[in-house]
Amino acid sequence: MRATLVSLLVLLAQPVQLTPAQAVATQPVTWHPCARIRAACNHVGFVRKGTKSGRDIMLDCIRPIMTKTPQRKQATKALPQIDPLIVAACRGRNPYFGKSGRAKSQPNLQSTTKPSST
């Protein structure tokens, strides 16, 4: 029993060796296009809840990039250079990324009147 316990402790003390396939599987996905846009905005200094300071990540960076509109006048940082292919890929994966609020639903075209009780 004592030898087994010592063997187990020695085994646990060894550094973990990952195979290349395991190493790749544990790496975070780095190419999600919308994540790259957000990371570029963070990198140049845009932050969450930075509306008052003119450096809000969504309002002053992501939205102008995704909607191809100018920044608001209060913006204090320049937009990062983003490859148009990344923007197009992000739009393809998440058409609502950078737009205000939740995903817009189509209006219900059916009548909402109640049936009459005759």
N, C-alpha and C. Protein backbone atom coordinates (compact mmCIF):
# COMPACT_ATOMS: atom_id res chain seq x y z
N MET A 1 0.83 -1.19 0.00
CA MET A 1 0.00 0.00 0.00
C MET A 1 0.87 1.25 0.00
N ARG A 2 1.92 1.24 0.83
CA ARG A 2 2.79 2.40 0.92
C ARG A 2 3.50 2.64 -0.41
N ALA A 3 3.94 1.57 -1.08
CA ALA A 3 4.62 1.71 -2.37
C ALA A 3 3.67 2.28 -3.42
N THR A 4 2.42 1.88 -3.37
CA THR A 4 1.43 2.39 -4.32
C THR A 4 1.19 3.88 -4.09
N LEU A 5 1.12 4.27 -2.85
CA LEU A 5 0.91 5.68 -2.52
C LEU A 5 2.10 6.51 -2.98
N VAL A 6 3.31 6.03 -2.75
CA VAL A 6 4.51 6.75 -3.18
C VAL A 6 4.54 6.83 -4.70
N SER A 7 4.18 5.75 -5.39
CA SER A 7 4.15 5.74 -6.85
C SER A 7 3.15 6.77 -7.38
N LEU A 8 2.01 6.83 -6.73
CA LEU A 8 0.98 7.77 -7.14
C LEU A 8 1.44 9.22 -6.95
N LEU A 9 2.10 9.48 -5.83
CA LEU A 9 2.60 10.84 -5.58
C LEU A 9 3.68 11.22 -6.58
N VAL A 10 4.54 10.28 -6.92
CA VAL A 10 5.59 10.55 -7.92
C VAL A 10 4.95 10.82 -9.27
N LEU A 11 3.94 10.04 -9.61
CA LEU A 11 3.24 10.23 -10.89
C LEU A 11 2.56 11.60 -10.94
N LEU A 12 1.92 12.00 -9.86
CA LEU A 12 1.25 13.30 -9.82
C LEU A 12 2.23 14.46 -9.85
N ALA A 13 3.43 14.26 -9.42
CA ALA A 13 4.42 15.33 -9.40
C ALA A 13 5.04 15.56 -10.77
N GLN A 14 4.83 14.64 -11.72
CA GLN A 14 5.38 14.78 -13.06
C GLN A 14 4.62 15.87 -13.82
N PRO A 15 5.32 16.66 -14.63
CA PRO A 15 4.62 17.65 -15.44
C PRO A 15 3.75 16.94 -16.48
N VAL A 16 2.62 17.53 -16.79
CA VAL A 16 1.70 16.94 -17.75
C VAL A 16 2.24 17.19 -19.15
N GLN A 17 2.33 16.13 -19.92
CA GLN A 17 2.78 16.23 -21.31
C GLN A 17 1.57 16.06 -22.21
N LEU A 18 1.22 17.08 -22.97
CA LEU A 18 0.09 16.99 -23.88
C LEU A 18 0.56 16.61 -25.27
N THR A 19 -0.23 15.80 -25.95
CA THR A 19 0.07 15.51 -27.34
C THR A 19 -0.28 16.75 -28.14
N PRO A 20 0.25 16.90 -29.36
CA PRO A 20 -0.09 18.09 -30.16
C PRO A 20 -1.59 18.24 -30.37
N ALA A 21 -2.30 17.13 -30.56
CA ALA A 21 -3.76 17.22 -30.75
C ALA A 21 -4.45 17.73 -29.49
N GLN A 22 -3.99 17.28 -28.32
CA GLN A 22 -4.58 17.76 -27.07
C GLN A 22 -4.26 19.23 -26.86
N ALA A 23 -3.05 19.64 -27.20
CA ALA A 23 -2.66 21.03 -27.03
C ALA A 23 -3.51 21.95 -27.90
N VAL A 24 -3.76 21.54 -29.14
CA VAL A 24 -4.58 22.34 -30.05
C VAL A 24 -6.01 22.41 -29.52
N ALA A 25 -6.51 21.30 -29.01
CA ALA A 25 -7.89 21.27 -28.52
C ALA A 25 -8.09 22.16 -27.30
N THR A 26 -7.03 22.42 -26.53
CA THR A 26 -7.18 23.24 -25.33
C THR A 26 -6.93 24.72 -25.59
N GLN A 27 -6.47 25.07 -26.78
CA GLN A 27 -6.23 26.47 -27.11
C GLN A 27 -7.55 27.17 -27.38
N PRO A 28 -7.70 28.43 -26.97
CA PRO A 28 -8.94 29.13 -27.27
C PRO A 28 -9.04 29.40 -28.77
N VAL A 29 -10.26 29.47 -29.27
CA VAL A 29 -10.47 29.78 -30.67
C VAL A 29 -10.14 31.26 -30.85
N THR A 30 -9.21 31.55 -31.73
CA THR A 30 -8.75 32.93 -31.86
C THR A 30 -9.31 33.65 -33.08
N TRP A 31 -10.00 32.94 -33.98
CA TRP A 31 -10.39 33.62 -35.19
C TRP A 31 -11.86 33.97 -35.26
N HIS A 32 -12.62 33.87 -34.24
CA HIS A 32 -14.02 34.29 -34.37
C HIS A 32 -14.00 35.75 -34.79
N PRO A 33 -14.56 36.08 -35.93
CA PRO A 33 -14.39 37.44 -36.47
C PRO A 33 -14.94 38.54 -35.55
N CYS A 34 -16.07 38.30 -34.91
CA CYS A 34 -16.63 39.33 -34.02
C CYS A 34 -15.72 39.53 -32.80
N ALA A 35 -15.13 38.44 -32.32
CA ALA A 35 -14.21 38.54 -31.19
C ALA A 35 -12.96 39.33 -31.59
N ARG A 36 -12.53 39.18 -32.83
CA ARG A 36 -11.36 39.94 -33.29
C ARG A 36 -11.66 41.42 -33.35
N ILE A 37 -12.86 41.77 -33.75
CA ILE A 37 -13.24 43.20 -33.79
C ILE A 37 -13.27 43.75 -32.38
N ARG A 38 -13.89 43.02 -31.47
CA ARG A 38 -13.95 43.47 -30.07
C ARG A 38 -12.54 43.60 -29.49
N ALA A 39 -11.67 42.64 -29.78
CA ALA A 39 -10.29 42.68 -29.27
C ALA A 39 -9.54 43.88 -29.84
N ALA A 40 -9.75 44.19 -31.11
CA ALA A 40 -9.08 45.35 -31.71
C ALA A 40 -9.55 46.64 -31.04
N CYS A 41 -10.83 46.72 -30.75
CA CYS A 41 -11.37 47.91 -30.07
C CYS A 41 -10.79 48.03 -28.66
N ASN A 42 -10.72 46.91 -27.96
CA ASN A 42 -10.10 46.91 -26.61
C ASN A 42 -8.65 47.33 -26.69
N HIS A 43 -7.95 46.84 -27.69
CA HIS A 43 -6.52 47.10 -27.82
C HIS A 43 -6.20 48.59 -27.97
N VAL A 44 -7.08 49.33 -28.66
CA VAL A 44 -6.81 50.76 -28.86
C VAL A 44 -7.41 51.63 -27.76
N GLY A 45 -8.07 50.99 -26.76
CA GLY A 45 -8.49 51.76 -25.59
C GLY A 45 -9.97 51.95 -25.37
N PHE A 46 -10.81 51.31 -26.16
CA PHE A 46 -12.24 51.40 -25.91
C PHE A 46 -12.60 50.46 -24.77
N VAL A 47 -13.58 50.86 -23.95
CA VAL A 47 -13.94 50.09 -22.76
C VAL A 47 -15.45 49.99 -22.62
N ARG A 48 -15.90 49.02 -21.82
CA ARG A 48 -17.32 48.93 -21.48
C ARG A 48 -17.67 50.11 -20.59
N LYS A 49 -18.86 50.62 -20.75
CA LYS A 49 -19.37 51.73 -19.94
C LYS A 49 -18.51 52.98 -20.06
N GLY A 50 -17.97 53.21 -21.26
CA GLY A 50 -17.15 54.40 -21.47
C GLY A 50 -17.88 55.48 -22.23
N THR A 51 -19.20 55.50 -22.15
CA THR A 51 -20.00 56.45 -22.91
C THR A 51 -19.68 57.89 -22.56
N LYS A 52 -19.59 58.20 -21.28
CA LYS A 52 -19.34 59.58 -20.86
C LYS A 52 -17.96 60.07 -21.28
N SER A 53 -16.99 59.15 -21.32
CA SER A 53 -15.62 59.56 -21.68
C SER A 53 -15.38 59.50 -23.19
N GLY A 54 -16.38 59.10 -23.95
CA GLY A 54 -16.23 59.06 -25.41
C GLY A 54 -15.43 57.88 -25.91
N ARG A 55 -15.34 56.82 -25.11
CA ARG A 55 -14.59 55.64 -25.56
C ARG A 55 -15.31 54.34 -25.22
N ASP A 56 -16.63 54.36 -25.41
CA ASP A 56 -17.44 53.17 -25.17
C ASP A 56 -17.20 52.16 -26.30
N ILE A 57 -16.91 50.93 -25.91
CA ILE A 57 -16.54 49.92 -26.91
C ILE A 57 -17.65 49.67 -27.93
N MET A 58 -18.88 49.60 -27.47
CA MET A 58 -19.97 49.30 -28.41
C MET A 58 -20.38 50.54 -29.18
N LEU A 59 -20.65 51.60 -28.48
CA LEU A 59 -21.17 52.82 -29.10
C LEU A 59 -20.15 53.54 -29.97
N ASP A 60 -18.91 53.60 -29.52
CA ASP A 60 -17.89 54.41 -30.22
C ASP A 60 -16.95 53.60 -31.11
N CYS A 61 -17.00 52.26 -31.03
CA CYS A 61 -16.08 51.46 -31.84
C CYS A 61 -16.80 50.40 -32.66
N ILE A 62 -17.42 49.44 -31.98
CA ILE A 62 -18.00 48.31 -32.71
C ILE A 62 -19.14 48.74 -33.63
N ARG A 63 -20.06 49.55 -33.13
CA ARG A 63 -21.21 49.96 -33.95
C ARG A 63 -20.77 50.72 -35.20
N PRO A 64 -19.88 51.71 -35.11
CA PRO A 64 -19.47 52.39 -36.35
C PRO A 64 -18.77 51.45 -37.34
N ILE A 65 -18.02 50.49 -36.84
CA ILE A 65 -17.35 49.54 -37.73
C ILE A 65 -18.39 48.66 -38.43
N MET A 66 -19.31 48.12 -37.64
CA MET A 66 -20.26 47.16 -38.19
C MET A 66 -21.32 47.82 -39.07
N THR A 67 -21.69 49.05 -38.78
CA THR A 67 -22.74 49.72 -39.57
C THR A 67 -22.16 50.65 -40.63
N LYS A 68 -20.85 50.75 -40.70
CA LYS A 68 -20.16 51.62 -41.67
C LYS A 68 -20.66 53.07 -41.56
N THR A 69 -20.76 53.53 -40.32
CA THR A 69 -21.19 54.91 -40.07
C THR A 69 -20.07 55.63 -39.32
N PRO A 70 -20.04 56.96 -39.38
CA PRO A 70 -19.02 57.69 -38.63
C PRO A 70 -19.22 57.56 -37.13
N GLN A 71 -18.15 57.77 -36.40
CA GLN A 71 -18.24 57.79 -34.94
C GLN A 71 -19.05 59.01 -34.51
N ARG A 72 -19.60 58.94 -33.31
CA ARG A 72 -20.32 60.09 -32.78
C ARG A 72 -19.31 61.19 -32.44
N LYS A 73 -19.77 62.40 -32.31
CA LYS A 73 -18.90 63.55 -32.06
C LYS A 73 -18.16 63.44 -30.73
N GLN A 74 -18.76 62.75 -29.75
CA GLN A 74 -18.17 62.64 -28.43
C GLN A 74 -17.03 61.61 -28.37
N ALA A 75 -16.84 60.82 -29.42
CA ALA A 75 -15.80 59.79 -29.42
C ALA A 75 -14.42 60.45 -29.30
N THR A 76 -13.58 59.88 -28.43
CA THR A 76 -12.27 60.47 -28.18
C THR A 76 -11.13 59.60 -28.70
N LYS A 77 -11.42 58.43 -29.23
CA LYS A 77 -10.40 57.53 -29.77
C LYS A 77 -10.72 57.26 -31.24
N ALA A 78 -9.68 57.06 -32.02
CA ALA A 78 -9.86 56.70 -33.42
C ALA A 78 -10.19 55.22 -33.53
N LEU A 79 -10.93 54.86 -34.57
CA LEU A 79 -11.26 53.46 -34.80
C LEU A 79 -10.01 52.68 -35.20
N PRO A 80 -9.91 51.42 -34.79
CA PRO A 80 -8.79 50.59 -35.24
C PRO A 80 -9.00 50.20 -36.70
N GLN A 81 -7.92 49.87 -37.37
CA GLN A 81 -8.01 49.40 -38.75
C GLN A 81 -8.44 47.93 -38.71
N ILE A 82 -9.56 47.62 -39.34
CA ILE A 82 -10.09 46.27 -39.37
C ILE A 82 -10.21 45.83 -40.83
N ASP A 83 -9.72 44.65 -41.11
CA ASP A 83 -9.83 44.08 -42.45
C ASP A 83 -11.31 43.95 -42.81
N PRO A 84 -11.73 44.47 -43.95
CA PRO A 84 -13.14 44.36 -44.35
C PRO A 84 -13.64 42.92 -44.43
N LEU A 85 -12.75 41.98 -44.70
CA LEU A 85 -13.15 40.57 -44.73
C LEU A 85 -13.56 40.08 -43.34
N ILE A 86 -12.90 40.60 -42.31
CA ILE A 86 -13.26 40.23 -40.94
C ILE A 86 -14.64 40.79 -40.60
N VAL A 87 -14.89 42.03 -41.00
CA VAL A 87 -16.20 42.64 -40.75
C VAL A 87 -17.28 41.85 -41.48
N ALA A 88 -17.03 41.49 -42.72
CA ALA A 88 -18.02 40.72 -43.49
C ALA A 88 -18.25 39.35 -42.86
N ALA A 89 -17.18 38.71 -42.39
CA ALA A 89 -17.32 37.40 -41.74
C ALA A 89 -18.11 37.52 -40.45
N CYS A 90 -17.90 38.59 -39.71
CA CYS A 90 -18.65 38.81 -38.47
C CYS A 90 -20.12 39.03 -38.79
N ARG A 91 -20.41 39.83 -39.81
CA ARG A 91 -21.81 40.04 -40.21
C ARG A 91 -22.47 38.73 -40.61
N GLY A 92 -21.69 37.86 -41.25
CA GLY A 92 -22.23 36.56 -41.65
C GLY A 92 -22.55 35.67 -40.47
N ARG A 93 -21.72 35.73 -39.44
CA ARG A 93 -21.94 34.89 -38.26
C ARG A 93 -22.94 35.49 -37.29
N ASN A 94 -22.98 36.82 -37.20
CA ASN A 94 -23.89 37.48 -36.26
C ASN A 94 -24.33 38.81 -36.86
N PRO A 95 -25.41 38.80 -37.65
CA PRO A 95 -25.84 40.02 -38.32
C PRO A 95 -26.23 41.15 -37.38
N TYR A 96 -26.49 40.83 -36.10
CA TYR A 96 -26.92 41.85 -35.14
C TYR A 96 -25.77 42.37 -34.28
N PHE A 97 -24.55 41.88 -34.47
CA PHE A 97 -23.42 42.32 -33.67
C PHE A 97 -23.18 43.81 -33.90
N GLY A 98 -23.17 44.58 -32.81
CA GLY A 98 -22.92 46.01 -32.90
C GLY A 98 -24.16 46.85 -33.05
N LYS A 99 -25.29 46.22 -33.24
CA LYS A 99 -26.53 46.98 -33.36
C LYS A 99 -27.17 47.10 -31.99
N SER A 100 -27.95 48.13 -31.81
CA SER A 100 -28.53 48.37 -30.49
C SER A 100 -29.57 47.32 -30.13
N GLY A 101 -29.58 46.97 -28.86
CA GLY A 101 -30.59 46.06 -28.34
C GLY A 101 -30.42 44.64 -28.82
N ARG A 102 -31.45 43.86 -28.60
CA ARG A 102 -31.44 42.46 -29.01
C ARG A 102 -31.76 42.35 -30.48
N ALA A 103 -31.70 41.12 -30.97
CA ALA A 103 -32.02 40.85 -32.36
C ALA A 103 -33.45 41.31 -32.64
N LYS A 104 -33.62 42.02 -33.71
CA LYS A 104 -34.93 42.53 -34.07
C LYS A 104 -35.75 41.39 -34.68
N SER A 105 -36.97 41.26 -34.25
CA SER A 105 -37.84 40.24 -34.83
C SER A 105 -38.74 40.90 -35.86
N GLN A 106 -39.19 40.10 -36.79
CA GLN A 106 -40.09 40.61 -37.81
C GLN A 106 -41.44 40.91 -37.17
N PRO A 107 -42.08 41.99 -37.57
CA PRO A 107 -43.39 42.30 -36.99
C PRO A 107 -44.39 41.21 -37.37
N ASN A 108 -45.30 40.95 -36.48
CA ASN A 108 -46.33 39.96 -36.72
C ASN A 108 -47.38 40.58 -37.63
N LEU A 109 -47.56 40.02 -38.80
CA LEU A 109 -48.49 40.59 -39.77
C LEU A 109 -49.90 40.05 -39.60
N GLN A 110 -50.09 39.09 -38.71
CA GLN A 110 -51.42 38.56 -38.49
C GLN A 110 -52.26 39.55 -37.69
N SER A 111 -53.55 39.49 -37.90
CA SER A 111 -54.44 40.37 -37.18
C SER A 111 -54.46 40.01 -35.71
N THR A 112 -54.49 41.02 -34.86
CA THR A 112 -54.52 40.78 -33.42
C THR A 112 -55.90 41.06 -32.84
N THR A 113 -56.91 41.20 -33.70
CA THR A 113 -58.25 41.47 -33.18
C THR A 113 -58.83 40.20 -32.60
N LYS A 114 -59.64 40.39 -31.58
CA LYS A 114 -60.27 39.24 -30.92
C LYS A 114 -61.51 38.84 -31.73
N PRO A 115 -61.76 37.54 -31.80
CA PRO A 115 -62.98 37.12 -32.51
C PRO A 115 -64.21 37.61 -31.76
N SER A 116 -65.20 37.99 -32.54
CA SER A 116 -66.43 38.49 -31.90
C SER A 116 -67.23 37.32 -31.35
N SER A 117 -67.89 37.55 -30.26
CA SER A 117 -68.72 36.50 -29.67
C SER A 117 -70.16 36.76 -30.02
N THR A 118 -70.68 36.00 -30.94
CA THR A 118 -72.04 36.21 -31.39
C THR A 118 -72.95 35.12 -30.96
